[in-house]
Protein backbone atom coordinates (compact mmCIF):
# COMPACT_ATOMS: atom_id res chain seq x y z
CA MET A 1 15.89 -63.81 68.39
CA PRO A 2 20.04 -62.95 68.82
CA GLN A 3 19.05 -58.79 68.77
CA LEU A 4 16.68 -58.34 71.64
CA ASP A 5 19.10 -60.67 73.85
CA PHE A 6 20.17 -58.25 76.60
CA ALA A 7 23.45 -60.37 77.34
CA THR A 8 24.35 -59.04 73.70
CA PHE A 9 22.85 -56.01 74.17
CA VAL A 10 25.32 -53.73 74.70
CA PRO A 11 28.49 -55.02 72.09
CA GLN A 12 25.67 -54.76 69.69
CA LEU A 13 25.30 -50.85 70.49
CA ALA A 14 29.20 -50.42 70.37
CA TRP A 15 29.64 -52.35 67.10
CA LEU A 16 26.92 -50.15 65.59
CA THR A 17 28.28 -47.05 66.92
CA ILE A 18 31.86 -48.13 65.40
CA VAL A 19 30.51 -49.15 62.03
CA PHE A 20 28.38 -46.06 62.15
CA VAL A 21 30.83 -44.16 62.54
CA VAL A 22 33.22 -45.62 60.36
CA LEU A 23 30.47 -45.06 57.94
CA TYR A 24 29.68 -41.97 58.64
CA VAL A 25 33.56 -40.93 58.29
CA LEU A 26 33.76 -43.20 54.85
CA MET A 27 30.90 -40.52 53.74
CA SER A 28 31.91 -37.28 54.72
CA ARG A 29 35.33 -37.88 53.60
CA ILE A 30 34.82 -39.92 50.49
CA ALA A 31 31.38 -39.82 48.77
CA LEU A 32 29.75 -36.66 50.00
CA PRO A 33 32.83 -34.64 48.41
CA ARG A 34 32.43 -36.22 45.16
CA ILE A 35 28.07 -35.82 45.38
CA ALA A 36 29.52 -32.30 45.79
CA THR A 37 31.52 -31.47 43.36
CA VAL A 38 28.87 -33.18 40.89
CA LEU A 39 25.99 -31.30 41.88
CA GLU A 40 28.68 -27.89 41.64
CA GLY A 41 29.59 -28.67 38.12
CA ARG A 42 25.81 -29.36 37.49
CA ARG A 43 25.00 -25.82 39.18
CA GLU A 44 28.02 -23.91 37.23
CA ARG A 45 26.81 -26.03 34.12
CA ILE A 46 23.24 -24.74 34.27
CA ALA A 47 24.01 -21.02 35.24
CA GLY A 48 26.49 -21.04 32.19
CA ASP A 49 23.24 -22.61 29.92
CA LEU A 50 21.56 -20.02 31.90
CA ASP A 51 23.95 -17.68 30.57
CA LYS A 52 23.71 -18.65 27.41
CA ALA A 53 20.10 -18.35 26.88
CA ALA A 54 20.10 -14.83 28.52
CA GLN A 55 23.06 -14.13 25.69
CA SER A 56 21.23 -15.60 22.89
CA LYS A 57 18.11 -13.97 24.17
CA ALA A 58 19.50 -10.34 23.99
CA GLN A 59 21.30 -11.42 20.41
CA THR A 60 17.49 -12.51 19.12
CA ASP A 61 15.87 -8.90 20.87
CA ALA A 62 18.60 -7.15 18.97
CA ALA A 63 18.00 -8.88 15.88
CA ILE A 64 14.11 -8.95 16.23
CA ALA A 65 14.51 -4.55 16.58
CA ALA A 66 16.79 -4.72 13.61
CA TYR A 67 14.33 -5.93 11.51
CA GLU A 68 11.57 -4.12 12.56
CA LYS A 69 13.75 -1.10 12.66
CA ALA A 70 13.89 -2.61 8.50
CA LEU A 71 11.09 -3.19 7.57
CA ALA A 72 9.64 0.06 9.42
CA GLU A 73 12.09 1.90 6.76
CA ALA A 74 11.36 -0.57 3.92
CA ARG A 75 8.17 0.55 4.12
CA ALA A 76 8.28 4.05 4.53
CA LYS A 77 11.20 4.28 1.44
CA ALA A 78 7.93 2.35 -0.23
CA HIS A 79 5.29 4.35 0.34
CA THR A 80 7.59 7.26 -0.22
CA ILE A 81 8.39 6.26 -4.03
CA ALA A 82 4.48 5.10 -4.46
CA GLN A 83 3.95 8.79 -3.31
CA ALA A 84 6.06 9.74 -5.97
CA THR A 85 5.06 7.65 -8.73
CA ARG A 86 1.27 8.52 -8.16
CA ASP A 87 2.72 12.49 -8.38
CA LYS A 88 4.38 11.60 -11.12
CA LEU A 89 1.35 10.03 -13.23
CA ALA A 90 -0.90 12.39 -11.69
CA SER A 91 0.82 15.45 -13.36
CA GLU A 92 1.71 13.09 -16.62
CA THR A 93 -2.10 12.97 -16.86
CA GLU A 94 -3.08 16.44 -16.17
CA ALA A 95 -0.51 17.70 -18.75
CA LYS A 96 -1.69 14.93 -21.12
CA ARG A 97 -5.40 16.10 -20.50
CA VAL A 98 -4.54 19.75 -21.03
CA ALA A 99 -3.08 19.13 -24.38
CA ILE A 100 -6.19 16.85 -25.53
CA GLU A 101 -8.38 19.61 -24.24
CA ALA A 102 -6.29 22.23 -26.26
CA GLN A 103 -6.26 19.80 -29.40
CA LEU A 104 -10.25 19.47 -28.88
CA ASN A 105 -10.69 23.27 -27.96
CA GLU A 106 -8.88 24.09 -31.56
CA LYS A 107 -11.00 21.63 -33.13
CA ILE A 108 -13.60 23.19 -31.82
CA ALA A 109 -12.97 26.43 -32.37
CA LYS A 110 -12.25 25.45 -36.57
CA ALA A 111 -15.66 23.31 -36.58
CA GLU A 112 -17.43 26.46 -35.45
CA ALA A 113 -15.78 28.79 -37.83
CA ALA A 114 -16.46 26.31 -40.73
CA ILE A 115 -20.22 26.02 -39.65
CA LYS A 116 -20.40 29.64 -39.14
CA ALA A 117 -18.86 30.16 -43.19
CA THR A 118 -20.79 27.06 -44.36
CA LYS A 119 -23.91 28.95 -42.61
CA GLU A 120 -23.30 32.11 -44.00
CA THR A 121 -22.78 30.24 -47.27
CA ALA A 122 -26.23 28.94 -46.75
CA LEU A 123 -28.13 32.15 -45.77
CA ALA A 124 -26.81 34.21 -48.72
CA ASN A 125 -28.12 31.17 -50.66
CA VAL A 126 -31.25 31.04 -49.18
CA ARG A 127 -32.07 35.04 -50.22
CA THR A 128 -30.76 34.23 -53.45
CA VAL A 129 -32.89 31.54 -54.36
CA ALA A 130 -35.83 32.80 -52.28
CA VAL A 131 -35.38 36.27 -54.62
CA ASP A 132 -35.76 33.25 -57.38
CA VAL A 133 -38.60 31.77 -56.32
CA ALA A 134 -40.40 34.82 -55.14
CA GLY A 135 -39.78 36.19 -58.88
CA ALA A 136 -40.95 32.90 -60.75
CA ILE A 137 -44.65 33.08 -58.00
CA VAL A 138 -44.72 36.60 -58.92
CA SER A 139 -43.97 35.65 -62.69
CA GLN A 140 -46.87 32.61 -62.75
CA LEU A 141 -49.43 35.17 -60.84
CA LEU A 142 -49.40 38.04 -62.81
CA GLY A 143 -47.91 36.75 -66.12
CA GLU A 144 -45.21 39.44 -66.09
CA ASP A 145 -41.58 39.40 -65.23
CA ALA A 146 -41.29 40.90 -61.61
CA ASP A 147 -38.96 43.86 -60.82
CA LYS A 148 -36.47 42.49 -59.54
CA ALA A 149 -35.28 45.09 -57.33
CA ALA A 150 -38.60 45.37 -55.52
CA THR A 151 -38.77 41.34 -54.98
CA GLU A 152 -35.27 41.57 -53.87
CA ARG A 153 -37.09 44.30 -51.24
CA ALA A 154 -39.52 42.01 -49.73
CA VAL A 155 -37.27 39.21 -49.27
CA ASP A 156 -35.13 40.61 -47.57
CA ALA A 157 -37.79 42.58 -45.53
CA ALA A 158 -39.25 38.66 -45.04
CA LEU A 159 -35.90 37.39 -43.68
CA LYS A 160 -35.15 40.52 -40.88
CA GLY A 161 -39.17 40.17 -39.67
């Protein structure tokens, strides 16, 4: 193998050094700056994307906070409206209840007055009927007409006692 021939070993090392130096210069002057430029562009693009993502996240957080605030305000307003409606309906119901109770009390008072008048009329009629019946019974038992004043006194005494 020619690589292991010691007679050509020194020139091979020289050529190796020359080729290595040329490749190193080419790489350091041409290829590596281009690669560094590409890498720097990628870093800048990534940094820009991260900044945009941070801005988007901040905007999203602000939008979420505004949404939650608006939702809380809407809920509070709905609660206020519901409470006002409940209060209004309660007061209307109470007013209607009071009006109906007044009407019922008025009707009850009229009915009680009518019952009292009917009772008094019935009791007056009962007295008259009782006097007539007692007079008729006395007449049939004694065979003569009963004294009207005595019969009335007897019925009044029986009704009181």
